[in-house]
């Protein structure tokens, strides 16, 4: 089974209380959200935070695509509710297009 890896970035609103709330929500992610992630073919999803910048690392099987994940999310009411809640804490990166949240990062180095 081929494993795909993706790294994405997003910012949080620069407010200590909001950042703390965001982190607290991620200590109890809703089961429907967890299941939707797994259903998309994602086996590992980690989010790291430094200051107000978030980094997400995804490892997924060959069935995963961002298009498939978007379709699954669009048809899941609880995932949509979660995304709306999270957007209260998040802000797009300065160079993001309108409506774009998590942005795929370009790999520029890999240890040989």
C-alpha atoms as a PDB file:
ATOM      1  CA  UNK A   1       0.000   0.000   0.000  1.00  0.00           C
ATOM      2  CA  UNK A   2       1.437   3.358  -1.062  1.00  0.00           C
ATOM      3  CA  UNK A   3       1.425   6.061   1.585  1.00  0.00           C
ATOM      4  CA  UNK A   4       0.926   9.679   0.608  1.00  0.00           C
ATOM      5  CA  UNK A   5       2.144  12.466   2.877  1.00  0.00           C
ATOM      6  CA  UNK A   6       0.896  16.044   2.889  1.00  0.00           C
ATOM      7  CA  UNK A   7       1.811  19.068   5.004  1.00  0.00           C
ATOM      8  CA  UNK A   8      -0.521  22.013   5.309  1.00  0.00           C
ATOM      9  CA  UNK A   9      -0.461  25.363   7.103  1.00  0.00           C
ATOM     10  CA  UNK A  10      -3.037  27.752   8.528  1.00  0.00           C
ATOM     11  CA  UNK A  11      -3.005  30.600  11.036  1.00  0.00           C
ATOM     12  CA  UNK A  12      -5.055  31.131  14.154  1.00  0.00           C
ATOM     13  CA  UNK A  13      -6.352  34.535  15.169  1.00  0.00           C
ATOM     14  CA  UNK A  14      -3.583  35.977  17.315  1.00  0.00           C
ATOM     15  CA  UNK A  15      -5.341  35.942  20.671  1.00  0.00           C
ATOM     16  CA  UNK A  16      -4.086  33.836  23.598  1.00  0.00           C
ATOM     17  CA  UNK A  17      -7.574  32.943  24.849  1.00  0.00           C
ATOM     18  CA  UNK A  18      -8.783  31.908  21.389  1.00  0.00           C
ATOM     19  CA  UNK A  19      -5.642  29.840  20.786  1.00  0.00           C
ATOM     20  CA  UNK A  20      -6.155  28.104  24.154  1.00  0.00           C
ATOM     21  CA  UNK A  21      -9.799  27.371  23.236  1.00  0.00           C
ATOM     22  CA  UNK A  22      -8.756  26.002  19.849  1.00  0.00           C
ATOM     23  CA  UNK A  23      -6.253  23.675  21.503  1.00  0.00           C
ATOM     24  CA  UNK A  24      -8.889  22.565  24.041  1.00  0.00           C
ATOM     25  CA  UNK A  25     -11.323  21.674  21.237  1.00  0.00           C
ATOM     26  CA  UNK A  26      -8.623  19.466  19.730  1.00  0.00           C
ATOM     27  CA  UNK A  27      -8.365  17.485  22.953  1.00  0.00           C
ATOM     28  CA  UNK A  28     -11.948  16.336  22.339  1.00  0.00           C
ATOM     29  CA  UNK A  29     -12.531  16.249  18.577  1.00  0.00           C
ATOM     30  CA  UNK A  30     -16.048  15.083  17.784  1.00  0.00           C
ATOM     31  CA  UNK A  31     -16.299  11.377  16.876  1.00  0.00           C
ATOM     32  CA  UNK A  32     -18.041  12.199  13.581  1.00  0.00           C
ATOM     33  CA  UNK A  33     -15.073  14.343  12.555  1.00  0.00           C
ATOM     34  CA  UNK A  34     -12.594  11.596  13.472  1.00  0.00           C
ATOM     35  CA  UNK A  35     -14.625   9.054  11.497  1.00  0.00           C
ATOM     36  CA  UNK A  36     -14.817  11.316   8.439  1.00  0.00           C
ATOM     37  CA  UNK A  37     -11.028  11.677   8.479  1.00  0.00           C
ATOM     38  CA  UNK A  38     -10.583   7.905   8.587  1.00  0.00           C
ATOM     39  CA  UNK A  39     -13.266   7.342   5.926  1.00  0.00           C
ATOM     40  CA  UNK A  40     -11.281   9.559   3.549  1.00  0.00           C
ATOM     41  CA  UNK A  41      -8.292   7.199   3.726  1.00  0.00           C
ATOM     42  CA  UNK A  42      -6.263   9.209   6.247  1.00  0.00           C
ATOM     43  CA  UNK A  43      -4.315   7.066   8.719  1.00  0.00           C
ATOM     44  CA  UNK A  44      -2.331   9.766  10.492  1.00  0.00           C
ATOM     45  CA  UNK A  45      -3.239  13.394  11.036  1.00  0.00           C
ATOM     46  CA  UNK A  46      -1.177  15.546  13.403  1.00  0.00           C
ATOM     47  CA  UNK A  47      -1.525  19.276  14.011  1.00  0.00           C
ATOM     48  CA  UNK A  48       1.350  21.299  15.461  1.00  0.00           C
ATOM     49  CA  UNK A  49       1.212  24.887  16.698  1.00  0.00           C
ATOM     50  CA  UNK A  50       3.896  27.549  17.025  1.00  0.00           C
ATOM     51  CA  UNK A  51       2.684  30.995  18.014  1.00  0.00           C
ATOM     52  CA  UNK A  52      -0.499  31.343  15.981  1.00  0.00           C
ATOM     53  CA  UNK A  53       0.711  29.209  13.039  1.00  0.00           C
ATOM     54  CA  UNK A  54      -0.624  25.683  12.589  1.00  0.00           C
ATOM     55  CA  UNK A  55       1.016  22.849  10.661  1.00  0.00           C
ATOM     56  CA  UNK A  56      -0.904  19.715   9.739  1.00  0.00           C
ATOM     57  CA  UNK A  57       0.784  16.495   8.678  1.00  0.00           C
ATOM     58  CA  UNK A  58      -1.361  13.892   6.925  1.00  0.00           C
ATOM     59  CA  UNK A  59      -0.431  10.365   5.944  1.00  0.00           C
ATOM     60  CA  UNK A  60      -3.041   8.663   3.796  1.00  0.00           C
ATOM     61  CA  UNK A  61      -3.483   5.603   1.634  1.00  0.00           C
ATOM     62  CA  UNK A  62      -3.718   5.652  -2.155  1.00  0.00           C
ATOM     63  CA  UNK A  63      -7.514   6.100  -2.032  1.00  0.00           C
ATOM     64  CA  UNK A  64      -7.178   9.575  -0.487  1.00  0.00           C
ATOM     65  CA  UNK A  65      -7.619  12.780  -2.446  1.00  0.00           C
ATOM     66  CA  UNK A  66      -8.496  16.286  -1.308  1.00  0.00           C
ATOM     67  CA  UNK A  67     -11.434  16.236  -3.736  1.00  0.00           C
ATOM     68  CA  UNK A  68     -12.812  13.037  -2.147  1.00  0.00           C
ATOM     69  CA  UNK A  69     -12.358  14.503   1.339  1.00  0.00           C
ATOM     70  CA  UNK A  70     -14.147  17.716   0.329  1.00  0.00           C
ATOM     71  CA  UNK A  71     -17.115  15.740  -1.026  1.00  0.00           C
ATOM     72  CA  UNK A  72     -17.341  13.638   2.136  1.00  0.00           C
ATOM     73  CA  UNK A  73     -17.144  16.762   4.297  1.00  0.00           C
ATOM     74  CA  UNK A  74     -19.776  18.632   2.279  1.00  0.00           C
ATOM     75  CA  UNK A  75     -22.277  15.814   2.832  1.00  0.00           C
ATOM     76  CA  UNK A  76     -21.599  15.502   6.583  1.00  0.00           C
ATOM     77  CA  UNK A  77     -23.595  17.932   8.734  1.00  0.00           C
ATOM     78  CA  UNK A  78     -21.453  17.395  11.862  1.00  0.00           C
ATOM     79  CA  UNK A  79     -18.214  18.008   9.933  1.00  0.00           C
ATOM     80  CA  UNK A  80     -19.699  21.222   8.539  1.00  0.00           C
ATOM     81  CA  UNK A  81     -20.691  22.277  12.057  1.00  0.00           C
ATOM     82  CA  UNK A  82     -17.135  21.538  13.289  1.00  0.00           C
ATOM     83  CA  UNK A  83     -15.604  23.507  10.408  1.00  0.00           C
ATOM     84  CA  UNK A  84     -17.807  26.524  11.161  1.00  0.00           C
ATOM     85  CA  UNK A  85     -16.825  26.343  14.829  1.00  0.00           C
ATOM     86  CA  UNK A  86     -13.104  26.089  13.988  1.00  0.00           C
ATOM     87  CA  UNK A  87     -13.283  29.058  11.605  1.00  0.00           C
ATOM     88  CA  UNK A  88     -14.037  31.257  14.653  1.00  0.00           C
ATOM     89  CA  UNK A  89     -10.426  30.610  15.718  1.00  0.00           C
ATOM     90  CA  UNK A  90      -8.724  30.395  12.342  1.00  0.00           C
ATOM     91  CA  UNK A  91      -7.620  32.973   9.805  1.00  0.00           C
ATOM     92  CA  UNK A  92      -6.373  32.429   6.304  1.00  0.00           C
ATOM     93  CA  UNK A  93      -2.704  32.794   5.526  1.00  0.00           C
ATOM     94  CA  UNK A  94      -1.934  36.230   4.033  1.00  0.00           C
ATOM     95  CA  UNK A  95      -1.441  34.801   0.520  1.00  0.00           C
ATOM     96  CA  UNK A  96      -4.510  32.506   0.565  1.00  0.00           C
ATOM     97  CA  UNK A  97      -7.236  32.866  -2.018  1.00  0.00           C
ATOM     98  CA  UNK A  98     -10.741  33.879  -0.948  1.00  0.00           C
ATOM     99  CA  UNK A  99     -12.326  31.076   1.101  1.00  0.00           C
ATOM    100  CA  UNK A 100      -9.099  29.039   1.262  1.00  0.00           C
ATOM    101  CA  UNK A 101      -8.208  27.685   4.697  1.00  0.00           C
ATOM    102  CA  UNK A 102      -5.559  24.997   5.108  1.00  0.00           C
ATOM    103  CA  UNK A 103      -2.924  25.484   2.415  1.00  0.00           C
ATOM    104  CA  UNK A 104      -0.796  22.674   1.023  1.00  0.00           C
ATOM    105  CA  UNK A 105       2.886  23.265   1.676  1.00  0.00           C
ATOM    106  CA  UNK A 106       5.594  22.657  -0.903  1.00  0.00           C
ATOM    107  CA  UNK A 107       8.247  20.112   0.088  1.00  0.00           C
ATOM    108  CA  UNK A 108      11.616  21.738  -0.509  1.00  0.00           C
ATOM    109  CA  UNK A 109      13.952  19.218   1.170  1.00  0.00           C
ATOM    110  CA  UNK A 110      14.089  15.526   1.979  1.00  0.00           C
ATOM    111  CA  UNK A 111      16.957  13.870   3.822  1.00  0.00           C
ATOM    112  CA  UNK A 112      18.749  11.645   1.313  1.00  0.00           C
END
